[in-house]
């Protein structure tokens, strides 16, 4: 009986998460990474190409902190 080759640990999934996890109710974007809740929740199930497309679009999304600061009068 042959033993199967040792399995490799799964490779890490690249993520734009910066550990500042709070979603702005007005914009729907995370204050830290600018992803939506749906994108965050489905991140592990997305393909590399889908994650890359979302990551590439993040800098063009409005900064939810700007709207939050304006709403608080700062």
Protein backbone atom coordinates (compact mmCIF):
# COMPACT_ATOMS: atom_id res chain seq x y z
CA UNK A 1 0.00 0.00 0.00
CA UNK A 2 1.41 3.37 -0.98
CA UNK A 3 1.03 6.39 1.17
CA UNK A 4 -0.28 9.55 -0.41
CA UNK A 5 2.17 12.42 -0.82
CA UNK A 6 2.12 14.92 2.02
CA UNK A 7 -0.47 17.57 1.42
CA UNK A 8 0.56 21.18 1.21
CA UNK A 9 -1.13 23.77 3.36
CA UNK A 10 -3.51 25.98 1.39
CA UNK A 11 -1.92 29.11 0.05
CA UNK A 12 -3.00 32.30 1.75
CA UNK A 13 -5.65 34.39 0.03
CA UNK A 14 -4.57 37.95 -0.70
CA UNK A 15 -6.89 40.49 0.90
CA UNK A 16 -7.06 44.28 1.10
CA UNK A 17 -8.22 44.02 4.74
CA UNK A 18 -6.41 46.43 7.07
CA UNK A 19 -8.16 45.21 10.25
CA UNK A 20 -10.33 48.34 10.50
CA UNK A 21 -13.65 46.59 10.12
CA UNK A 22 -16.66 48.88 10.24
CA UNK A 23 -19.15 49.38 7.43
CA UNK A 24 -20.51 52.86 6.77
CA UNK A 25 -24.29 52.60 6.60
CA UNK A 26 -24.62 55.41 4.07
CA UNK A 27 -22.14 54.16 1.47
CA UNK A 28 -22.10 50.44 2.30
CA UNK A 29 -18.30 50.40 2.18
CA UNK A 30 -15.95 49.19 4.89
CA UNK A 31 -14.11 52.11 6.46
CA UNK A 32 -10.83 50.20 6.31
CA UNK A 33 -10.72 48.45 2.93
CA UNK A 34 -13.68 49.98 1.00
CA UNK A 35 -15.19 46.58 0.17
CA UNK A 36 -18.91 45.93 0.57
CA UNK A 37 -20.27 43.43 3.08
CA UNK A 38 -21.12 41.06 0.22
CA UNK A 39 -17.55 41.26 -1.11
CA UNK A 40 -16.09 40.68 2.35
CA UNK A 41 -18.42 37.76 3.08
CA UNK A 42 -17.75 36.05 -0.26
CA UNK A 43 -14.04 36.82 -0.50
CA UNK A 44 -12.82 33.26 0.12
CA UNK A 45 -15.19 31.87 -2.53
CA UNK A 46 -14.17 34.32 -5.27
CA UNK A 47 -11.66 33.40 -7.94
CA UNK A 48 -8.24 35.03 -8.00
CA UNK A 49 -9.39 37.07 -11.02
CA UNK A 50 -12.54 38.27 -9.23
CA UNK A 51 -10.54 39.28 -6.14
CA UNK A 52 -7.99 41.07 -8.32
CA UNK A 53 -10.75 43.01 -10.12
CA UNK A 54 -12.31 44.14 -6.84
CA UNK A 55 -8.92 45.07 -5.39
CA UNK A 56 -8.09 47.09 -8.51
CA UNK A 57 -11.39 48.99 -8.20
CA UNK A 58 -10.97 49.92 -4.52
CA UNK A 59 -8.88 53.10 -5.01
CA UNK A 60 -11.61 54.52 -7.28
CA UNK A 61 -14.35 54.03 -4.70
CA UNK A 62 -15.35 56.98 -2.55
CA UNK A 63 -13.63 57.15 0.82
CA UNK A 64 -16.38 56.40 3.36
CA UNK A 65 -14.38 58.21 6.05
CA UNK A 66 -14.89 61.54 4.22
CA UNK A 67 -18.68 61.15 4.34
CA UNK A 68 -18.56 59.96 7.95
CA UNK A 69 -16.46 62.93 9.05
CA UNK A 70 -18.77 65.34 7.19
CA UNK A 71 -21.82 63.79 8.87
CA UNK A 72 -20.26 64.28 12.31
CA UNK A 73 -19.30 67.89 11.50
CA UNK A 74 -15.57 67.36 11.55
